[in-house]
Amino acid sequence: MKIKEKIFLPLIMIILMIKPSIAGPYVEEGHIDLVKMDMNTYYCTLRINEQLGNWYCNNIAGKAMFDLAKIAHILNKPAKVTFMSGYVESKAVLGITLE
């Protein structure tokens, strides 16, 4: 019984420490070098610092984010893009802010 307790306690602690570090949003700063919209699925895609992001842009908020990303791209303005972290290559975009 003591061996199981010695194994499970560190395992539980590792899981509890790792999970919050990969689950929250984070911000990328830089220049947006790609903005596009897929008219079939209504998903918009952007790339900033080699990080891809996408969001659903068939509503007012999504279209506003698309317009802001397009302005930052055309004017070559620095931007802050908030992503939801995860293991996928193209992460969900939560927000875009011009600097």
C-alpha atoms as a PDB file:
ATOM      1  CA  MET A   1       0.000   0.000   0.000  1.00  0.00           C
ATOM      2  CA  LYS A   2       2.859   2.414   0.750  1.00  0.00           C
ATOM      3  CA  ILE A   3       4.314   1.898  -2.733  1.00  0.00           C
ATOM      4  CA  LYS A   4       1.046   2.913  -4.409  1.00  0.00           C
ATOM      5  CA  GLU A   5       0.855   6.055  -2.286  1.00  0.00           C
ATOM      6  CA  LYS A   6       4.442   6.962  -3.221  1.00  0.00           C
ATOM      7  CA  ILE A   7       3.634   6.579  -6.922  1.00  0.00           C
ATOM      8  CA  PHE A   8       0.198   8.197  -7.034  1.00  0.00           C
ATOM      9  CA  LEU A   9       0.998  11.335  -5.057  1.00  0.00           C
ATOM     10  CA  PRO A  10       3.784  12.571  -7.391  1.00  0.00           C
ATOM     11  CA  LEU A  11       1.720  11.559 -10.425  1.00  0.00           C
ATOM     12  CA  ILE A  12      -1.277  13.576  -9.233  1.00  0.00           C
ATOM     13  CA  MET A  13       0.941  16.569  -8.449  1.00  0.00           C
ATOM     14  CA  ILE A  14       2.496  16.467 -11.932  1.00  0.00           C
ATOM     15  CA  ILE A  15      -0.921  16.339 -13.592  1.00  0.00           C
ATOM     16  CA  LEU A  16      -2.198  19.242 -11.496  1.00  0.00           C
ATOM     17  CA  MET A  17       0.865  21.364 -12.349  1.00  0.00           C
ATOM     18  CA  ILE A  18       0.846  20.616 -16.091  1.00  0.00           C
ATOM     19  CA  LYS A  19      -2.876  21.029 -16.812  1.00  0.00           C
ATOM     20  CA  PRO A  20      -3.165  24.767 -15.963  1.00  0.00           C
ATOM     21  CA  SER A  21      -0.046  25.586 -17.948  1.00  0.00           C
ATOM     22  CA  ILE A  22      -1.502  24.264 -21.211  1.00  0.00           C
ATOM     23  CA  ALA A  23      -5.137  25.273 -20.855  1.00  0.00           C
ATOM     24  CA  GLY A  24      -5.235  29.045 -20.731  1.00  0.00           C
ATOM     25  CA  PRO A  25      -5.079  31.901 -23.208  1.00  0.00           C
ATOM     26  CA  TYR A  26      -1.825  33.597 -24.156  1.00  0.00           C
ATOM     27  CA  VAL A  27      -0.824  36.643 -26.238  1.00  0.00           C
ATOM     28  CA  GLU A  28       1.450  36.794 -29.296  1.00  0.00           C
ATOM     29  CA  GLU A  29       2.845  40.200 -30.268  1.00  0.00           C
ATOM     30  CA  GLY A  30       4.138  41.068 -33.721  1.00  0.00           C
ATOM     31  CA  HIS A  31       3.044  41.723 -37.284  1.00  0.00           C
ATOM     32  CA  ILE A  32       0.185  39.797 -38.886  1.00  0.00           C
ATOM     33  CA  ASP A  33       1.493  38.390 -42.149  1.00  0.00           C
ATOM     34  CA  LEU A  34      -1.553  36.398 -43.336  1.00  0.00           C
ATOM     35  CA  VAL A  35      -5.295  37.050 -43.143  1.00  0.00           C
ATOM     36  CA  LYS A  36      -7.859  35.070 -45.119  1.00  0.00           C
ATOM     37  CA  MET A  37     -11.492  34.009 -45.004  1.00  0.00           C
ATOM     38  CA  ASP A  38     -12.897  30.686 -46.210  1.00  0.00           C
ATOM     39  CA  MET A  39     -16.262  31.517 -47.773  1.00  0.00           C
ATOM     40  CA  ASN A  40     -17.444  27.883 -47.590  1.00  0.00           C
ATOM     41  CA  THR A  41     -17.004  27.408 -43.841  1.00  0.00           C
ATOM     42  CA  TYR A  42     -16.949  31.083 -42.726  1.00  0.00           C
ATOM     43  CA  TYR A  43     -13.740  30.534 -40.777  1.00  0.00           C
ATOM     44  CA  CYS A  44     -11.076  33.240 -40.813  1.00  0.00           C
ATOM     45  CA  THR A  45      -7.384  32.457 -40.476  1.00  0.00           C
ATOM     46  CA  LEU A  46      -4.409  34.610 -39.550  1.00  0.00           C
ATOM     47  CA  ARG A  47      -0.697  34.089 -38.958  1.00  0.00           C
ATOM     48  CA  ILE A  48       1.468  36.080 -36.555  1.00  0.00           C
ATOM     49  CA  ASN A  49       5.050  35.053 -35.722  1.00  0.00           C
ATOM     50  CA  GLU A  50       4.548  31.680 -37.459  1.00  0.00           C
ATOM     51  CA  GLN A  51       1.534  30.927 -35.209  1.00  0.00           C
ATOM     52  CA  LEU A  52      -1.694  30.150 -37.047  1.00  0.00           C
ATOM     53  CA  GLY A  53      -5.042  31.079 -35.578  1.00  0.00           C
ATOM     54  CA  ASN A  54      -8.652  30.783 -36.667  1.00  0.00           C
ATOM     55  CA  TRP A  55     -12.097  31.946 -35.598  1.00  0.00           C
ATOM     56  CA  TYR A  56     -15.674  31.801 -36.843  1.00  0.00           C
ATOM     57  CA  CYS A  57     -16.370  35.019 -38.733  1.00  0.00           C
ATOM     58  CA  ASN A  58     -20.010  34.715 -39.799  1.00  0.00           C
ATOM     59  CA  ASN A  59     -21.206  37.130 -37.109  1.00  0.00           C
ATOM     60  CA  ILE A  60     -20.618  40.780 -36.225  1.00  0.00           C
ATOM     61  CA  ALA A  61     -17.813  40.111 -33.734  1.00  0.00           C
ATOM     62  CA  GLY A  62     -16.040  37.732 -36.101  1.00  0.00           C
ATOM     63  CA  LYS A  63     -16.282  40.185 -38.998  1.00  0.00           C
ATOM     64  CA  ALA A  64     -14.956  42.994 -36.777  1.00  0.00           C
ATOM     65  CA  MET A  65     -11.950  40.846 -35.830  1.00  0.00           C
ATOM     66  CA  PHE A  66     -11.397  40.052 -39.513  1.00  0.00           C
ATOM     67  CA  ASP A  67     -11.498  43.756 -40.431  1.00  0.00           C
ATOM     68  CA  LEU A  68      -9.082  44.644 -37.628  1.00  0.00           C
ATOM     69  CA  ALA A  69      -6.669  41.878 -38.670  1.00  0.00           C
ATOM     70  CA  LYS A  70      -6.892  43.031 -42.296  1.00  0.00           C
ATOM     71  CA  ILE A  71      -6.131  46.649 -41.277  1.00  0.00           C
ATOM     72  CA  ALA A  72      -3.122  45.538 -39.214  1.00  0.00           C
ATOM     73  CA  HIS A  73      -1.879  43.439 -42.134  1.00  0.00           C
ATOM     74  CA  ILE A  74      -2.341  46.102 -44.830  1.00  0.00           C
ATOM     75  CA  LEU A  75      -0.843  48.938 -42.755  1.00  0.00           C
ATOM     76  CA  ASN A  76       1.884  46.653 -41.336  1.00  0.00           C
ATOM     77  CA  LYS A  77       0.932  47.712 -37.801  1.00  0.00           C
ATOM     78  CA  PRO A  78       2.063  45.656 -34.794  1.00  0.00           C
ATOM     79  CA  ALA A  79      -0.740  43.751 -33.113  1.00  0.00           C
ATOM     80  CA  LYS A  80      -1.427  41.594 -30.091  1.00  0.00           C
ATOM     81  CA  VAL A  81      -3.389  38.421 -30.806  1.00  0.00           C
ATOM     82  CA  THR A  82      -4.842  36.404 -27.931  1.00  0.00           C
ATOM     83  CA  PHE A  83      -4.922  32.657 -28.584  1.00  0.00           C
ATOM     84  CA  MET A  84      -6.400  29.763 -26.640  1.00  0.00           C
ATOM     85  CA  SER A  85      -3.517  27.399 -26.029  1.00  0.00           C
ATOM     86  CA  GLY A  86      -3.618  23.758 -27.011  1.00  0.00           C
ATOM     87  CA  TYR A  87      -1.880  21.108 -29.049  1.00  0.00           C
ATOM     88  CA  VAL A  88      -3.428  21.925 -32.438  1.00  0.00           C
ATOM     89  CA  GLU A  89      -1.432  23.717 -35.128  1.00  0.00           C
ATOM     90  CA  SER A  90      -4.050  26.418 -35.702  1.00  0.00           C
ATOM     91  CA  LYS A  91      -5.244  27.773 -32.358  1.00  0.00           C
ATOM     92  CA  ALA A  92      -8.505  29.578 -31.611  1.00  0.00           C
ATOM     93  CA  VAL A  93      -8.221  33.384 -31.736  1.00  0.00           C
ATOM     94  CA  LEU A  94      -9.915  35.116 -28.806  1.00  0.00           C
ATOM     95  CA  GLY A  95      -9.049  38.721 -29.592  1.00  0.00           C
ATOM     96  CA  ILE A  96      -6.955  41.136 -31.649  1.00  0.00           C
ATOM     97  CA  THR A  97      -5.574  44.480 -30.460  1.00  0.00           C
ATOM     98  CA  LEU A  98      -3.633  47.036 -32.499  1.00  0.00           C
ATOM     99  CA  GLU A  99      -0.615  48.636 -30.858  1.00  0.00           C
END
